[in-house]
């Protein structure tokens, strides 16, 4: 996990200047912004596995804040945020995450 934390630095993503460059695979990130968000999420997972829940939560907040207004937060980001907040004992924050992201559960 330690080696993963070193390799997942979001600063390691270089800006893509050539708009003609296509991803090698359809599921590869389409932009530098997306690639950085993927690295930040993966770093949050590695930090959570290492028990550094506060750092993992801070990294997830960066992912959350970097999303565009028209983009939904992926469910795996929400699930990790819930996991971290529950482990930290922040049940009220976990409830708010559920209320904000699961409208079908609202009464």
PDB file of N, CA and C in Angstrom:
ATOM      1  N   UNK A   1       0.833  -1.188   0.000  1.00  0.00           N
ATOM      2  CA  UNK A   1       0.000   0.000   0.000  1.00  0.00           C
ATOM      3  C   UNK A   1       0.879   1.253   0.000  1.00  0.00           C
ATOM      4  N   UNK A   2       1.989   1.201   0.723  1.00  0.00           N
ATOM      5  CA  UNK A   2       2.882   2.352   0.768  1.00  0.00           C
ATOM      6  C   UNK A   2       3.405   2.746  -0.596  1.00  0.00           C
ATOM      7  N   UNK A   3       3.767   1.750  -1.383  1.00  0.00           N
ATOM      8  CA  UNK A   3       4.268   2.015  -2.729  1.00  0.00           C
ATOM      9  C   UNK A   3       3.158   2.611  -3.601  1.00  0.00           C
ATOM     10  N   UNK A   4       1.928   2.143  -3.415  1.00  0.00           N
ATOM     11  CA  UNK A   4       0.804   2.680  -4.182  1.00  0.00           C
ATOM     12  C   UNK A   4       0.586   4.150  -3.858  1.00  0.00           C
ATOM     13  N   UNK A   5       0.696   4.501  -2.583  1.00  0.00           N
ATOM     14  CA  UNK A   5       0.508   5.894  -2.179  1.00  0.00           C
ATOM     15  C   UNK A   5       1.533   6.789  -2.877  1.00  0.00           C
ATOM     16  N   UNK A   6       2.768   6.325  -2.966  1.00  0.00           N
ATOM     17  CA  UNK A   6       3.812   7.102  -3.646  1.00  0.00           C
ATOM     18  C   UNK A   6       3.508   7.269  -5.135  1.00  0.00           C
ATOM     19  N   UNK A   7       3.023   6.221  -5.769  1.00  0.00           N
ATOM     20  CA  UNK A   7       2.811   6.242  -7.215  1.00  0.00           C
ATOM     21  C   UNK A   7       1.536   6.967  -7.626  1.00  0.00           C
ATOM     22  N   UNK A   8       0.594   7.156  -6.698  1.00  0.00           N
ATOM     23  CA  UNK A   8      -0.701   7.735  -7.042  1.00  0.00           C
ATOM     24  C   UNK A   8      -0.763   9.245  -6.837  1.00  0.00           C
ATOM     25  N   UNK A   9       0.348   9.893  -6.833  1.00  0.00           N
ATOM     26  CA  UNK A   9       0.369  11.344  -6.665  1.00  0.00           C
ATOM     27  C   UNK A   9      -0.354  12.011  -7.835  1.00  0.00           C
ATOM     28  N   UNK A  10      -1.394  12.823  -7.555  1.00  0.00           N
ATOM     29  CA  UNK A  10      -2.116  13.498  -8.643  1.00  0.00           C
ATOM     30  C   UNK A  10      -1.226  14.427  -9.467  1.00  0.00           C
ATOM     31  N   UNK A  11      -0.119  14.880  -8.893  1.00  0.00           N
ATOM     32  CA  UNK A  11       0.792  15.752  -9.622  1.00  0.00           C
ATOM     33  C   UNK A  11       1.517  15.014 -10.746  1.00  0.00           C
ATOM     34  N   UNK A  12       1.451  13.689 -10.736  1.00  0.00           N
ATOM     35  CA  UNK A  12       2.145  12.919 -11.768  1.00  0.00           C
ATOM     36  C   UNK A  12       1.418  12.942 -13.109  1.00  0.00           C
ATOM     37  N   UNK A  13       0.211  13.484 -13.125  1.00  0.00           N
ATOM     38  CA  UNK A  13      -0.546  13.568 -14.373  1.00  0.00           C
ATOM     39  C   UNK A  13      -0.095  14.808 -15.127  1.00  0.00           C
ATOM     40  N   UNK A  14       0.425  14.615 -16.312  1.00  0.00           N
ATOM     41  CA  UNK A  14       0.865  15.738 -17.145  1.00  0.00           C
ATOM     42  C   UNK A  14      -0.318  16.255 -17.956  1.00  0.00           C
ATOM     43  N   UNK A  15      -0.314  17.537 -18.220  1.00  0.00           N
ATOM     44  CA  UNK A  15      -1.371  18.115 -19.043  1.00  0.00           C
ATOM     45  C   UNK A  15      -1.289  17.566 -20.458  1.00  0.00           C
ATOM     46  N   UNK A  16      -2.456  17.326 -21.021  1.00  0.00           N
ATOM     47  CA  UNK A  16      -2.541  16.853 -22.404  1.00  0.00           C
ATOM     48  C   UNK A  16      -2.727  18.088 -23.281  1.00  0.00           C
ATOM     49  N   UNK A  17      -1.761  18.364 -24.117  1.00  0.00           N
ATOM     50  CA  UNK A  17      -1.836  19.553 -24.950  1.00  0.00           C
ATOM     51  C   UNK A  17      -2.303  19.246 -26.367  1.00  0.00           C
ATOM     52  N   UNK A  18      -2.149  18.050 -26.814  1.00  0.00           N
ATOM     53  CA  UNK A  18      -2.547  17.683 -28.165  1.00  0.00           C
ATOM     54  C   UNK A  18      -3.961  17.116 -28.139  1.00  0.00           C
ATOM     55  N   UNK A  19      -4.944  17.881 -28.645  1.00  0.00           N
ATOM     56  CA  UNK A  19      -6.322  17.378 -28.625  1.00  0.00           C
ATOM     57  C   UNK A  19      -6.526  16.164 -29.529  1.00  0.00           C
ATOM     58  N   UNK A  20      -5.576  15.885 -30.408  1.00  0.00           N
ATOM     59  CA  UNK A  20      -5.688  14.740 -31.299  1.00  0.00           C
ATOM     60  C   UNK A  20      -5.314  13.421 -30.648  1.00  0.00           C
ATOM     61  N   UNK A  21      -4.770  13.474 -29.436  1.00  0.00           N
ATOM     62  CA  UNK A  21      -4.380  12.248 -28.738  1.00  0.00           C
ATOM     63  C   UNK A  21      -5.637  11.542 -28.242  1.00  0.00           C
ATOM     64  N   UNK A  22      -5.761  10.308 -28.602  1.00  0.00           N
ATOM     65  CA  UNK A  22      -6.910   9.498 -28.179  1.00  0.00           C
ATOM     66  C   UNK A  22      -6.464   8.519 -27.102  1.00  0.00           C
ATOM     67  N   UNK A  23      -7.361   8.210 -26.153  1.00  0.00           N
ATOM     68  CA  UNK A  23      -7.019   7.209 -25.135  1.00  0.00           C
ATOM     69  C   UNK A  23      -6.748   5.854 -25.777  1.00  0.00           C
ATOM     70  N   UNK A  24      -5.870   5.071 -25.156  1.00  0.00           N
ATOM     71  CA  UNK A  24      -5.539   3.750 -25.679  1.00  0.00           C
ATOM     72  C   UNK A  24      -6.717   2.790 -25.583  1.00  0.00           C
ATOM     73  N   UNK A  25      -7.523   2.953 -24.571  1.00  0.00           N
ATOM     74  CA  UNK A  25      -8.696   2.104 -24.357  1.00  0.00           C
ATOM     75  C   UNK A  25      -9.908   3.005 -24.138  1.00  0.00           C
ATOM     76  N   UNK A  26     -11.118   2.540 -24.471  1.00  0.00           N
ATOM     77  CA  UNK A  26     -12.310   3.381 -24.305  1.00  0.00           C
ATOM     78  C   UNK A  26     -12.560   3.810 -22.859  1.00  0.00           C
ATOM     79  N   UNK A  27     -12.101   3.033 -21.896  1.00  0.00           N
ATOM     80  CA  UNK A  27     -12.353   3.362 -20.499  1.00  0.00           C
ATOM     81  C   UNK A  27     -11.258   4.217 -19.883  1.00  0.00           C
ATOM     82  N   UNK A  28     -10.221   4.570 -20.637  1.00  0.00           N
ATOM     83  CA  UNK A  28      -9.170   5.464 -20.133  1.00  0.00           C
ATOM     84  C   UNK A  28      -9.754   6.865 -19.956  1.00  0.00           C
ATOM     85  N   UNK A  29      -9.209   7.636 -19.023  1.00  0.00           N
ATOM     86  CA  UNK A  29      -9.677   9.020 -18.850  1.00  0.00           C
ATOM     87  C   UNK A  29      -9.532   9.820 -20.141  1.00  0.00           C
ATOM     88  N   UNK A  30     -10.511  10.666 -20.409  1.00  0.00           N
ATOM     89  CA  UNK A  30     -10.527  11.461 -21.633  1.00  0.00           C
ATOM     90  C   UNK A  30      -9.819  12.803 -21.478  1.00  0.00           C
ATOM     91  N   UNK A  31      -9.517  13.196 -20.237  1.00  0.00           N
ATOM     92  CA  UNK A  31      -8.884  14.495 -20.014  1.00  0.00           C
ATOM     93  C   UNK A  31      -7.936  14.411 -18.820  1.00  0.00           C
ATOM     94  N   UNK A  32      -7.096  15.423 -18.709  1.00  0.00           N
ATOM     95  CA  UNK A  32      -6.184  15.503 -17.569  1.00  0.00           C
ATOM     96  C   UNK A  32      -6.976  15.625 -16.275  1.00  0.00           C
ATOM     97  N   UNK A  33      -8.041  16.415 -16.310  1.00  0.00           N
ATOM     98  CA  UNK A  33      -8.886  16.611 -15.128  1.00  0.00           C
ATOM     99  C   UNK A  33      -9.447  15.275 -14.630  1.00  0.00           C
ATOM    100  N   UNK A  34      -9.951  14.476 -15.552  1.00  0.00           N
ATOM    101  CA  UNK A  34     -10.508  13.174 -15.186  1.00  0.00           C
ATOM    102  C   UNK A  34      -9.418  12.240 -14.675  1.00  0.00           C
ATOM    103  N   UNK A  35      -8.278  12.239 -15.328  1.00  0.00           N
ATOM    104  CA  UNK A  35      -7.164  11.381 -14.890  1.00  0.00           C
ATOM    105  C   UNK A  35      -6.725  11.743 -13.478  1.00  0.00           C
ATOM    106  N   UNK A  36      -6.659  13.035 -13.190  1.00  0.00           N
ATOM    107  CA  UNK A  36      -6.262  13.486 -11.849  1.00  0.00           C
ATOM    108  C   UNK A  36      -7.300  13.034 -10.813  1.00  0.00           C
ATOM    109  N   UNK A  37      -8.588  13.128 -11.141  1.00  0.00           N
ATOM    110  CA  UNK A  37      -9.647  12.705 -10.219  1.00  0.00           C
ATOM    111  C   UNK A  37      -9.572  11.202  -9.953  1.00  0.00           C
ATOM    112  N   UNK A  38      -9.261  10.415 -10.980  1.00  0.00           N
ATOM    113  CA  UNK A  38      -9.119   8.964 -10.807  1.00  0.00           C
ATOM    114  C   UNK A  38      -7.950   8.662  -9.874  1.00  0.00           C
ATOM    115  N   UNK A  39      -6.833   9.339 -10.071  1.00  0.00           N
ATOM    116  CA  UNK A  39      -5.677   9.136  -9.192  1.00  0.00           C
ATOM    117  C   UNK A  39      -5.998   9.544  -7.758  1.00  0.00           C
ATOM    118  N   UNK A  40      -6.718  10.655  -7.586  1.00  0.00           N
ATOM    119  CA  UNK A  40      -7.075  11.103  -6.241  1.00  0.00           C
ATOM    120  C   UNK A  40      -7.984  10.085  -5.557  1.00  0.00           C
ATOM    121  N   UNK A  41      -8.946   9.545  -6.303  1.00  0.00           N
ATOM    122  CA  UNK A  41      -9.828   8.525  -5.722  1.00  0.00           C
ATOM    123  C   UNK A  41      -9.017   7.291  -5.320  1.00  0.00           C
ATOM    124  N   UNK A  42      -8.151   6.816  -6.215  1.00  0.00           N
ATOM    125  CA  UNK A  42      -7.342   5.633  -5.904  1.00  0.00           C
ATOM    126  C   UNK A  42      -6.409   5.884  -4.724  1.00  0.00           C
ATOM    127  N   UNK A  43      -5.891   7.092  -4.624  1.00  0.00           N
ATOM    128  CA  UNK A  43      -5.055   7.450  -3.478  1.00  0.00           C
ATOM    129  C   UNK A  43      -5.890   7.438  -2.197  1.00  0.00           C
ATOM    130  N   UNK A  44      -7.126   7.916  -2.268  1.00  0.00           N
ATOM    131  CA  UNK A  44      -8.013   7.884  -1.098  1.00  0.00           C
ATOM    132  C   UNK A  44      -8.262   6.445  -0.651  1.00  0.00           C
ATOM    133  N   UNK A  45      -8.441   5.539  -1.600  1.00  0.00           N
ATOM    134  CA  UNK A  45      -8.625   4.118  -1.269  1.00  0.00           C
ATOM    135  C   UNK A  45      -7.377   3.579  -0.574  1.00  0.00           C
ATOM    136  N   UNK A  46      -6.201   3.867  -1.132  1.00  0.00           N
ATOM    137  CA  UNK A  46      -4.949   3.379  -0.535  1.00  0.00           C
ATOM    138  C   UNK A  46      -4.756   3.938   0.871  1.00  0.00           C
ATOM    139  N   UNK A  47      -5.060   5.208   1.062  1.00  0.00           N
ATOM    140  CA  UNK A  47      -4.930   5.815   2.390  1.00  0.00           C
ATOM    141  C   UNK A  47      -5.913   5.191   3.377  1.00  0.00           C
ATOM    142  N   UNK A  48      -7.125   4.911   2.919  1.00  0.00           N
ATOM    143  CA  UNK A  48      -8.120   4.269   3.793  1.00  0.00           C
ATOM    144  C   UNK A  48      -7.655   2.872   4.188  1.00  0.00           C
ATOM    145  N   UNK A  49      -7.101   2.133   3.240  1.00  0.00           N
ATOM    146  CA  UNK A  49      -6.588   0.795   3.541  1.00  0.00           C
ATOM    147  C   UNK A  49      -5.447   0.847   4.544  1.00  0.00           C
ATOM    148  N   UNK A  50      -4.676   1.913   4.488  1.00  0.00           N
ATOM    149  CA  UNK A  50      -3.553   2.083   5.397  1.00  0.00           C
ATOM    150  C   UNK A  50      -4.001   2.623   6.761  1.00  0.00           C
ATOM    151  N   UNK A  51      -5.290   2.959   6.881  1.00  0.00           N
ATOM    152  CA  UNK A  51      -5.815   3.455   8.149  1.00  0.00           C
ATOM    153  C   UNK A  51      -5.725   4.957   8.314  1.00  0.00           C
ATOM    154  N   UNK A  52      -5.285   5.652   7.287  1.00  0.00           N
ATOM    155  CA  UNK A  52      -5.183   7.108   7.341  1.00  0.00           C
ATOM    156  C   UNK A  52      -6.504   7.714   6.858  1.00  0.00           C
ATOM    157  N   UNK A  53      -7.536   7.549   7.694  1.00  0.00           N
ATOM    158  CA  UNK A  53      -8.891   7.913   7.292  1.00  0.00           C
ATOM    159  C   UNK A  53      -9.072   9.414   7.099  1.00  0.00           C
ATOM    160  N   UNK A  54      -8.438  10.225   7.932  1.00  0.00           N
ATOM    161  CA  UNK A  54      -8.566  11.677   7.771  1.00  0.00           C
ATOM    162  C   UNK A  54      -7.981  12.134   6.436  1.00  0.00           C
ATOM    163  N   UNK A  55      -6.806  11.620   6.094  1.00  0.00           N
ATOM    164  CA  UNK A  55      -6.185  11.967   4.809  1.00  0.00           C
ATOM    165  C   UNK A  55      -7.033  11.455   3.649  1.00  0.00           C
ATOM    166  N   UNK A  56      -7.570  10.241   3.798  1.00  0.00           N
ATOM    167  CA  UNK A  56      -8.418   9.670   2.745  1.00  0.00           C
ATOM    168  C   UNK A  56      -9.661  10.529   2.550  1.00  0.00           C
ATOM    169  N   UNK A  57     -10.260  10.961   3.650  1.00  0.00           N
ATOM    170  CA  UNK A  57     -11.440  11.821   3.566  1.00  0.00           C
ATOM    171  C   UNK A  57     -11.130  13.148   2.899  1.00  0.00           C
ATOM    172  N   UNK A  58      -9.978  13.729   3.228  1.00  0.00           N
ATOM    173  CA  UNK A  58      -9.578  14.989   2.596  1.00  0.00           C
ATOM    174  C   UNK A  58      -9.375  14.811   1.095  1.00  0.00           C
ATOM    175  N   UNK A  59      -8.781  13.696   0.701  1.00  0.00           N
ATOM    176  CA  UNK A  59      -8.558  13.430  -0.718  1.00  0.00           C
ATOM    177  C   UNK A  59      -9.897  13.264  -1.445  1.00  0.00           C
ATOM    178  N   UNK A  60     -10.844  12.573  -0.811  1.00  0.00           N
ATOM    179  CA  UNK A  60     -12.165  12.408  -1.428  1.00  0.00           C
ATOM    180  C   UNK A  60     -12.877  13.741  -1.574  1.00  0.00           C
ATOM    181  N   UNK A  61     -12.706  14.627  -0.601  1.00  0.00           N
ATOM    182  CA  UNK A  61     -13.319  15.959  -0.700  1.00  0.00           C
ATOM    183  C   UNK A  61     -12.782  16.698  -1.915  1.00  0.00           C
ATOM    184  N   UNK A  62     -11.510  16.525  -2.213  1.00  0.00           N
ATOM    185  CA  UNK A  62     -10.932  17.155  -3.405  1.00  0.00           C
ATOM    186  C   UNK A  62     -11.567  16.597  -4.675  1.00  0.00           C
ATOM    187  N   UNK A  63     -11.787  15.282  -4.698  1.00  0.00           N
ATOM    188  CA  UNK A  63     -12.445  14.659  -5.858  1.00  0.00           C
ATOM    189  C   UNK A  63     -13.849  15.224  -6.001  1.00  0.00           C
ATOM    190  N   UNK A  64     -14.561  15.300  -4.891  1.00  0.00           N
ATOM    191  CA  UNK A  64     -15.946  15.762  -4.877  1.00  0.00           C
ATOM    192  C   UNK A  64     -16.029  17.202  -5.372  1.00  0.00           C
ATOM    193  N   UNK A  65     -15.135  18.056  -4.893  1.00  0.00           N
ATOM    194  CA  UNK A  65     -15.157  19.472  -5.266  1.00  0.00           C
ATOM    195  C   UNK A  65     -14.720  19.698  -6.708  1.00  0.00           C
ATOM    196  N   UNK A  66     -13.950  18.791  -7.261  1.00  0.00           N
ATOM    197  CA  UNK A  66     -13.427  18.991  -8.612  1.00  0.00           C
ATOM    198  C   UNK A  66     -14.411  18.579  -9.703  1.00  0.00           C
ATOM    199  N   UNK A  67     -15.501  17.937  -9.323  1.00  0.00           N
ATOM    200  CA  UNK A  67     -16.454  17.495 -10.353  1.00  0.00           C
ATOM    201  C   UNK A  67     -17.208  18.686 -10.931  1.00  0.00           C
ATOM    202  N   UNK A  68     -17.638  18.552 -12.155  1.00  0.00           N
ATOM    203  CA  UNK A  68     -18.398  19.626 -12.789  1.00  0.00           C
ATOM    204  C   UNK A  68     -19.840  19.584 -12.293  1.00  0.00           C
ATOM    205  N   UNK A  69     -20.549  20.714 -12.374  1.00  0.00           N
ATOM    206  CA  UNK A  69     -21.932  20.764 -11.878  1.00  0.00           C
ATOM    207  C   UNK A  69     -22.877  19.802 -12.600  1.00  0.00           C
ATOM    208  N   UNK A  70     -22.555  19.445 -13.831  1.00  0.00           N
ATOM    209  CA  UNK A  70     -23.428  18.559 -14.598  1.00  0.00           C
ATOM    210  C   UNK A  70     -23.076  17.087 -14.430  1.00  0.00           C
ATOM    211  N   UNK A  71     -22.074  16.796 -13.616  1.00  0.00           N
ATOM    212  CA  UNK A  71     -21.587  15.425 -13.452  1.00  0.00           C
ATOM    213  C   UNK A  71     -22.077  14.835 -12.135  1.00  0.00           C
ATOM    214  N   UNK A  72     -22.585  13.629 -12.186  1.00  0.00           N
ATOM    215  CA  UNK A  72     -22.950  12.920 -10.967  1.00  0.00           C
ATOM    216  C   UNK A  72     -21.693  12.315 -10.356  1.00  0.00           C
ATOM    217  N   UNK A  73     -21.702  12.227  -9.028  1.00  0.00           N
ATOM    218  CA  UNK A  73     -20.584  11.595  -8.332  1.00  0.00           C
ATOM    219  C   UNK A  73     -20.751  10.083  -8.488  1.00  0.00           C
ATOM    220  N   UNK A  74     -19.726   9.368  -8.950  1.00  0.00           N
ATOM    221  CA  UNK A  74     -19.833   7.910  -9.099  1.00  0.00           C
ATOM    222  C   UNK A  74     -20.131   7.230  -7.762  1.00  0.00           C
ATOM    223  N   UNK A  75     -20.879   6.153  -7.810  1.00  0.00           N
ATOM    224  CA  UNK A  75     -21.318   5.461  -6.599  1.00  0.00           C
ATOM    225  C   UNK A  75     -20.142   4.960  -5.770  1.00  0.00           C
ATOM    226  N   UNK A  76     -19.033   4.579  -6.389  1.00  0.00           N
ATOM    227  CA  UNK A  76     -17.897   4.089  -5.606  1.00  0.00           C
ATOM    228  C   UNK A  76     -17.260   5.203  -4.777  1.00  0.00           C
ATOM    229  N   UNK A  77     -17.357   6.441  -5.229  1.00  0.00           N
ATOM    230  CA  UNK A  77     -16.864   7.574  -4.434  1.00  0.00           C
ATOM    231  C   UNK A  77     -17.774   7.785  -3.228  1.00  0.00           C
ATOM    232  N   UNK A  78     -19.080   7.697  -3.456  1.00  0.00           N
ATOM    233  CA  UNK A  78     -20.053   7.847  -2.366  1.00  0.00           C
ATOM    234  C   UNK A  78     -19.873   6.728  -1.345  1.00  0.00           C
ATOM    235  N   UNK A  79     -19.700   5.500  -1.824  1.00  0.00           N
ATOM    236  CA  UNK A  79     -19.532   4.358  -0.912  1.00  0.00           C
ATOM    237  C   UNK A  79     -18.274   4.513  -0.061  1.00  0.00           C
ATOM    238  N   UNK A  80     -17.178   4.966  -0.655  1.00  0.00           N
ATOM    239  CA  UNK A  80     -15.951   5.167   0.114  1.00  0.00           C
ATOM    240  C   UNK A  80     -16.132   6.287   1.133  1.00  0.00           C
ATOM    241  N   UNK A  81     -16.810   7.354   0.747  1.00  0.00           N
ATOM    242  CA  UNK A  81     -17.064   8.454   1.685  1.00  0.00           C
ATOM    243  C   UNK A  81     -17.894   7.963   2.870  1.00  0.00           C
ATOM    244  N   UNK A  82     -18.918   7.166   2.598  1.00  0.00           N
ATOM    245  CA  UNK A  82     -19.737   6.598   3.682  1.00  0.00           C
ATOM    246  C   UNK A  82     -18.895   5.717   4.594  1.00  0.00           C
ATOM    247  N   UNK A  83     -18.093   4.867   4.011  1.00  0.00           N
ATOM    248  CA  UNK A  83     -17.232   3.962   4.773  1.00  0.00           C
ATOM    249  C   UNK A  83     -16.315   4.745   5.709  1.00  0.00           C
ATOM    250  N   UNK A  84     -15.673   5.755   5.172  1.00  0.00           N
ATOM    251  CA  UNK A  84     -14.737   6.554   5.971  1.00  0.00           C
ATOM    252  C   UNK A  84     -15.463   7.284   7.094  1.00  0.00           C
ATOM    253  N   UNK A  85     -16.572   7.927   6.769  1.00  0.00           N
ATOM    254  CA  UNK A  85     -17.301   8.691   7.790  1.00  0.00           C
ATOM    255  C   UNK A  85     -17.840   7.780   8.887  1.00  0.00           C
ATOM    256  N   UNK A  86     -18.308   6.597   8.527  1.00  0.00           N
ATOM    257  CA  UNK A  86     -18.801   5.666   9.551  1.00  0.00           C
ATOM    258  C   UNK A  86     -17.666   5.169  10.435  1.00  0.00           C
ATOM    259  N   UNK A  87     -16.510   4.862   9.838  1.00  0.00           N
ATOM    260  CA  UNK A  87     -15.363   4.434  10.648  1.00  0.00           C
ATOM    261  C   UNK A  87     -14.886   5.539  11.588  1.00  0.00           C
ATOM    262  N   UNK A  88     -15.026   6.786  11.154  1.00  0.00           N
ATOM    263  CA  UNK A  88     -14.628   7.911  11.996  1.00  0.00           C
ATOM    264  C   UNK A  88     -15.691   8.250  13.042  1.00  0.00           C
ATOM    265  N   UNK A  89     -16.851   7.564  12.963  1.00  0.00           N
ATOM    266  CA  UNK A  89     -17.922   7.812  13.923  1.00  0.00           C
ATOM    267  C   UNK A  89     -18.792   9.008  13.584  1.00  0.00           C
ATOM    268  N   UNK A  90     -18.706   9.487  12.356  1.00  0.00           N
ATOM    269  CA  UNK A  90     -19.482  10.649  11.921  1.00  0.00           C
ATOM    270  C   UNK A  90     -20.801  10.192  11.287  1.00  0.00           C
ATOM    271  N   UNK A  91     -21.702   9.671  12.112  1.00  0.00           N
ATOM    272  CA  UNK A  91     -22.958   9.130  11.575  1.00  0.00           C
ATOM    273  C   UNK A  91     -23.840  10.209  10.965  1.00  0.00           C
ATOM    274  N   UNK A  92     -23.816  11.425  11.517  1.00  0.00           N
ATOM    275  CA  UNK A  92     -24.632  12.504  10.946  1.00  0.00           C
ATOM    276  C   UNK A  92     -24.162  12.862   9.536  1.00  0.00           C
ATOM    277  N   UNK A  93     -22.853  12.901   9.348  1.00  0.00           N
ATOM    278  CA  UNK A  93     -22.312  13.187   8.012  1.00  0.00           C
ATOM    279  C   UNK A  93     -22.684  12.063   7.051  1.00  0.00           C
ATOM    280  N   UNK A  94     -22.603  10.815   7.517  1.00  0.00           N
ATOM    281  CA  UNK A  94     -22.977   9.669   6.675  1.00  0.00           C
ATOM    282  C   UNK A  94     -24.447   9.762   6.270  1.00  0.00           C
ATOM    283  N   UNK A  95     -25.307  10.133   7.212  1.00  0.00           N
ATOM    284  CA  UNK A  95     -26.735  10.303   6.889  1.00  0.00           C
ATOM    285  C   UNK A  95     -26.928  11.387   5.833  1.00  0.00           C
ATOM    286  N   UNK A  96     -26.215  12.487   5.982  1.00  0.00           N
ATOM    287  CA  UNK A  96     -26.337  13.577   5.009  1.00  0.00           C
ATOM    288  C   UNK A  96     -25.867  13.147   3.622  1.00  0.00           C
ATOM    289  N   UNK A  97     -24.806  12.367   3.564  1.00  0.00           N
ATOM    290  CA  UNK A  97     -24.324  11.858   2.271  1.00  0.00           C
ATOM    291  C   UNK A  97     -25.410  11.011   1.618  1.00  0.00           C
ATOM    292  N   UNK A  98     -26.053  10.161   2.414  1.00  0.00           N
ATOM    293  CA  UNK A  98     -27.126   9.314   1.877  1.00  0.00           C
ATOM    294  C   UNK A  98     -28.292  10.170   1.405  1.00  0.00           C
ATOM    295  N   UNK A  99     -28.696  11.145   2.215  1.00  0.00           N
ATOM    296  CA  UNK A  99     -29.827  12.007   1.847  1.00  0.00           C
ATOM    297  C   UNK A  99     -29.551  12.783   0.566  1.00  0.00           C
ATOM    298  N   UNK A 100     -28.326  13.273   0.411  1.00  0.00           N
ATOM    299  CA  UNK A 100     -27.982  14.076  -0.764  1.00  0.00           C
ATOM    300  C   UNK A 100     -27.845  13.243  -2.032  1.00  0.00           C
ATOM    301  N   UNK A 101     -27.470  11.985  -1.891  1.00  0.00           N
ATOM    302  CA  UNK A 101     -27.147  11.181  -3.070  1.00  0.00           C
ATOM    303  C   UNK A 101     -28.099  10.031  -3.339  1.00  0.00           C
ATOM    304  N   UNK A 102     -29.071   9.834  -2.468  1.00  0.00           N
ATOM    305  CA  UNK A 102     -30.058   8.770  -2.655  1.00  0.00           C
ATOM    306  C   UNK A 102     -31.455   9.354  -2.482  1.00  0.00           C
ATOM    307  N   UNK A 103     -31.912  10.151  -3.453  1.00  0.00           N
ATOM    308  CA  UNK A 103     -33.214  10.808  -3.296  1.00  0.00           C
ATOM    309  C   UNK A 103     -34.371   9.823  -3.153  1.00  0.00           C
ATOM    310  N   UNK A 104     -34.203   8.602  -3.632  1.00  0.00           N
ATOM    311  CA  UNK A 104     -35.264   7.607  -3.524  1.00  0.00           C
ATOM    312  C   UNK A 104     -35.521   7.212  -2.075  1.00  0.00           C
ATOM    313  N   UNK A 105     -34.580   7.488  -1.169  1.00  0.00           N
ATOM    314  CA  UNK A 105     -34.740   7.140   0.237  1.00  0.00           C
ATOM    315  C   UNK A 105     -35.388   8.249   1.050  1.00  0.00           C
ATOM    316  N   UNK A 106     -35.590   9.416   0.441  1.00  0.00           N
ATOM    317  CA  UNK A 106     -36.206  10.519   1.172  1.00  0.00           C
ATOM    318  C   UNK A 106     -37.700  10.311   1.267  1.00  0.00           C
ATOM    319  N   UNK A 107     -38.232  10.736   2.376  1.00  0.00           N
ATOM    320  CA  UNK A 107     -39.681  10.563   2.600  1.00  0.00           C
ATOM    321  C   UNK A 107     -40.433  11.814   2.294  1.00  0.00           C
TER     322      UNK A 107
END
